[in-house]
Protein backbone atom coordinates (compact mmCIF):
# COMPACT_ATOMS: atom_id res chain seq x y z
CA MET A 1 -3.38 35.07 -6.06
CA SER A 2 -2.47 32.80 -3.19
CA PHE A 3 -3.44 29.14 -1.98
CA PRO A 4 -3.06 28.19 1.53
CA TYR A 5 -1.98 25.10 0.91
CA THR A 6 -0.59 24.78 -2.84
CA ALA A 7 2.59 23.29 -1.02
CA PRO A 8 2.70 21.71 2.58
CA LYS A 9 4.63 22.51 4.57
CA ALA A 10 6.24 19.11 6.99
CA VAL A 11 3.62 21.52 9.52
CA LEU A 12 1.23 20.77 7.98
CA VAL A 13 2.35 16.63 6.74
CA GLN A 14 2.20 16.50 10.54
CA ASP A 15 -0.49 17.83 12.19
CA ARG A 16 -2.41 15.49 9.67
CA TRP A 17 0.14 12.94 10.47
CA ARG A 18 -1.21 13.21 14.44
CA ALA A 19 -5.00 13.95 13.19
CA ARG A 20 -4.08 10.27 11.23
CA GLU A 21 -4.47 11.29 8.38
CA ALA A 22 -2.90 11.38 4.30
CA PRO A 23 -3.71 12.17 0.45
CA ASP A 24 -6.20 9.90 -0.55
CA GLY A 25 -5.14 7.52 -3.35
CA ASP A 26 -1.99 5.99 -3.82
CA PHE A 27 0.94 8.42 -2.64
CA ILE A 28 3.56 8.54 -0.55
CA MET A 29 3.37 11.54 1.61
CA PHE A 30 7.10 12.23 3.67
CA GLY A 31 7.71 14.35 6.44
CA ASP A 32 9.03 16.84 5.07
CA GLY A 33 5.55 18.07 2.75
CA SER A 34 7.43 16.11 -0.68
CA LEU A 35 4.86 13.48 -2.04
CA SER A 36 4.98 10.63 -4.49
CA VAL A 37 2.38 9.69 -6.80
CA MET A 38 1.79 6.35 -7.39
CA ASN A 39 0.33 3.64 -9.63
CA LEU A 40 0.46 -0.41 -8.10
CA MET A 41 0.95 -3.03 -11.34
CA ARG A 42 0.14 -6.27 -11.41
CA PHE A 43 1.01 -8.96 -14.21
CA SER A 44 -0.27 -12.11 -15.26
CA PRO A 45 1.82 -15.14 -17.54
CA ALA A 46 -0.05 -16.04 -20.71
CA ASP A 47 -0.64 -19.00 -19.59
CA ARG A 48 -1.63 -18.33 -15.62
CA LEU A 49 -4.00 -15.32 -15.79
CA HIS A 50 -6.65 -16.07 -13.49
CA ASP A 51 -3.84 -17.45 -10.51
CA ARG A 52 -3.60 -14.68 -8.37
CA ARG A 53 -0.36 -15.74 -6.87
CA ALA A 54 1.44 -15.87 -10.65
CA GLU A 55 1.02 -12.37 -10.72
CA ASP A 56 4.33 -9.82 -10.62
CA TRP A 57 3.29 -6.51 -9.19
CA GLN A 58 4.83 -3.32 -8.90
CA TRP A 59 4.64 -0.03 -7.65
CA TRP A 60 5.72 2.66 -8.91
CA GLU A 61 7.23 6.22 -8.75
CA VAL A 62 4.50 8.07 -11.23
CA LEU A 63 6.13 11.95 -10.18
CA ARG A 64 7.65 13.19 -7.43
CA ALA A 65 6.45 16.92 -6.09
CA THR A 66 7.45 19.03 -2.95
CA ALA A 67 4.84 21.28 -4.14
CA TRP A 68 1.09 19.69 -3.80
CA THR A 69 -2.46 20.28 -3.57
CA PRO A 70 -4.49 17.58 -1.12
CA SER A 71 -8.34 17.04 -2.93
CA THR A 72 -9.26 15.28 -0.69
CA TRP A 73 -7.48 13.30 2.63
CA ILE A 74 -9.04 10.42 4.35
CA ASP A 75 -8.26 8.60 7.86
CA VAL A 76 -5.92 6.01 9.10
CA ASP A 77 -6.65 5.53 12.22
CA THR A 78 -6.58 1.90 12.34
CA THR A 79 -3.35 0.20 13.56
CA PHE A 80 -2.63 -3.52 13.02
CA ALA A 81 1.12 -3.89 13.73
CA THR A 82 3.67 -1.48 15.43
CA CYS A 83 7.36 -2.33 15.59
CA VAL A 84 10.24 -1.07 16.90
CA HIS A 85 13.96 -0.83 16.02
CA ALA A 86 16.86 1.44 16.63
CA GLY A 87 15.10 4.79 17.76
CA SER A 88 11.74 4.02 15.00
CA ARG A 89 8.32 2.80 14.93
CA ALA A 90 6.96 1.29 11.62
CA LEU A 91 3.08 1.03 11.73
CA ALA A 92 0.92 -1.22 9.22
CA GLY A 93 -2.98 -0.82 8.88
CA GLU A 94 -6.64 0.06 6.81
CA SER A 95 -8.67 3.39 6.44
CA SER A 96 -11.85 3.09 8.21
CA ALA A 97 -12.53 5.12 4.06
CA HIS A 98 -12.43 1.67 3.28
CA GLY A 99 -11.94 -2.30 3.31
CA SER A 100 -9.08 -2.70 0.20
CA ILE A 101 -6.43 0.60 1.80
CA GLY A 102 -4.03 -0.46 3.04
CA TRP A 103 -1.24 1.88 4.97
CA VAL A 104 2.67 2.16 6.13
CA ALA A 105 4.75 4.70 8.52
CA LEU A 106 7.58 5.39 9.76
CA THR A 107 7.81 7.27 12.15
CA ARG A 108 10.41 8.71 14.64
CA ASP A 109 10.27 6.89 17.75
CA ASP A 110 9.90 10.16 19.73
CA ASP A 111 6.13 11.65 21.77
CA ASP A 112 4.75 12.90 18.91
CA HIS A 113 5.78 9.30 16.31
CA THR A 114 7.19 12.57 14.18
CA LEU A 115 6.55 10.74 10.41
CA GLN A 116 9.54 10.11 8.04
CA TRP A 117 6.36 8.84 6.01
CA ILE A 118 3.72 6.90 5.32
CA ALA A 119 2.40 5.10 2.47
CA VAL A 120 -0.96 4.72 1.17
CA SER A 121 -2.84 2.24 -1.31
CA CYS A 122 -6.25 1.97 -2.59
CA ASP A 123 -5.23 -1.61 -3.57
CA SER A 124 -3.25 -3.19 -1.58
CA ASN A 125 -5.63 -4.23 1.56
CA PRO A 126 -4.90 -4.10 4.63
CA PHE A 127 -1.53 -4.42 6.33
CA THR A 128 -1.77 -6.82 9.64
CA GLU A 129 1.95 -7.48 10.55
CA VAL A 130 5.03 -4.99 9.94
CA THR A 131 8.47 -5.58 10.67
CA LEU A 132 11.50 -3.48 11.17
CA ASP A 133 15.40 -3.01 10.61
CA ALA A 134 18.07 -0.48 9.89
CA THR A 135 17.67 -1.22 5.73
CA THR A 136 13.78 -2.00 5.71
CA VAL A 137 9.75 -1.73 6.89
CA THR A 138 8.22 -4.83 5.75
CA ALA A 139 4.74 -5.14 5.41
CA THR A 140 2.60 -8.01 4.82
CA SER A 141 -0.95 -6.79 3.46
CA THR A 142 -4.23 -9.60 3.84
CA LEU A 143 -3.99 -9.75 0.94
CA GLY A 144 -1.20 -12.14 -0.33
CA ARG A 145 1.53 -9.95 -0.43
CA ILE A 146 4.41 -8.98 1.68
CA TRP A 147 6.01 -4.83 0.98
CA THR A 148 9.77 -4.59 1.60
CA PHE A 149 10.20 -0.84 1.33
CA PRO A 150 13.93 0.76 2.21
CA ARG A 151 13.38 3.23 4.84
CA ASP A 152 15.32 5.71 2.87
CA ASN A 153 13.77 5.08 -0.05
CA PRO A 154 9.95 3.35 0.02
CA GLN A 155 9.72 4.49 -3.98
CA GLN A 156 11.26 1.85 -4.44
CA VAL A 157 9.24 -0.87 -2.93
CA LYS A 158 9.56 -3.41 -3.58
CA ILE A 159 6.36 -6.10 -3.29
CA THR A 160 6.48 -10.33 -2.80
CA GLU A 161 3.73 -13.56 -2.64
CA ASP A 162 3.30 -14.22 0.71
CA PRO A 163 4.22 -17.91 0.89
CA ALA A 164 1.90 -18.44 3.79
CA CYS A 165 -1.32 -17.06 2.38
CA PRO A 166 -4.05 -18.90 2.10
CA TRP A 167 -4.60 -18.87 -2.19
CA PRO A 168 -8.23 -20.14 -3.09
CA LYS A 169 -7.25 -22.45 -6.11
CA PRO A 170 -7.59 -20.68 -9.30
CA PRO A 171 -11.11 -21.19 -11.18
CA GLN A 172 -11.24 -23.76 -13.39
CA ALA A 173 -12.27 -24.00 -17.11
CA VAL A 174 -15.37 -26.15 -17.44
CA VAL A 175 -15.46 -28.53 -20.31
CA PRO A 176 -18.97 -29.52 -22.27
CA PRO A 177 -19.45 -33.60 -21.37
CA ALA A 178 -18.25 -35.36 -24.63
CA GLY A 179 -20.80 -35.17 -27.39
CA ASP A 180 -21.51 -31.95 -26.94
CA HIS A 181 -21.40 -29.12 -28.95
CA PRO A 182 -20.48 -25.48 -27.84
CA GLY A 183 -23.81 -24.07 -28.47
CA ALA A 184 -25.79 -26.63 -26.12
CA ASN A 185 -26.13 -25.21 -22.84
CA TYR A 186 -25.17 -26.23 -19.75
CA PRO A 187 -27.28 -26.28 -16.47
């Protein structure tokens, strides 16, 4: 039995990119048709469980596939930032499918903007800034994180805190008034 999109070729990937579509989920889709399945992990120190700024984020490659079947495609149609360097272009934005979905792409700076790779994260929030140099694509999300992708190995991304982000203060513990017991009702 044959399925028409069991092994998306570079042509299918480039066609979907030109239509501004990418697989729905945490993935890096490469221009050659391969795909990395990614998993975002957030770690908090035990003494700062509710402090977002203290979180350590890691986006790990779970699986690399050369043959895959997309279950759903999403629009990656809103671009907030672009940067050109030495014949390449980096783009960053959000998906109109949901406000928490951000994406970063590296293309050639040719007439077709030929896709080299696109990274889509369901939990990053939109990426509103992007820079590009000889070795990295760096994108900043509205969730206060800087994602630094090695151009040739984007699945080895490093995620760090954005020091310019206006972080909310972590929730404070409610301390009962003196003399009250633990089961008392508080307004």
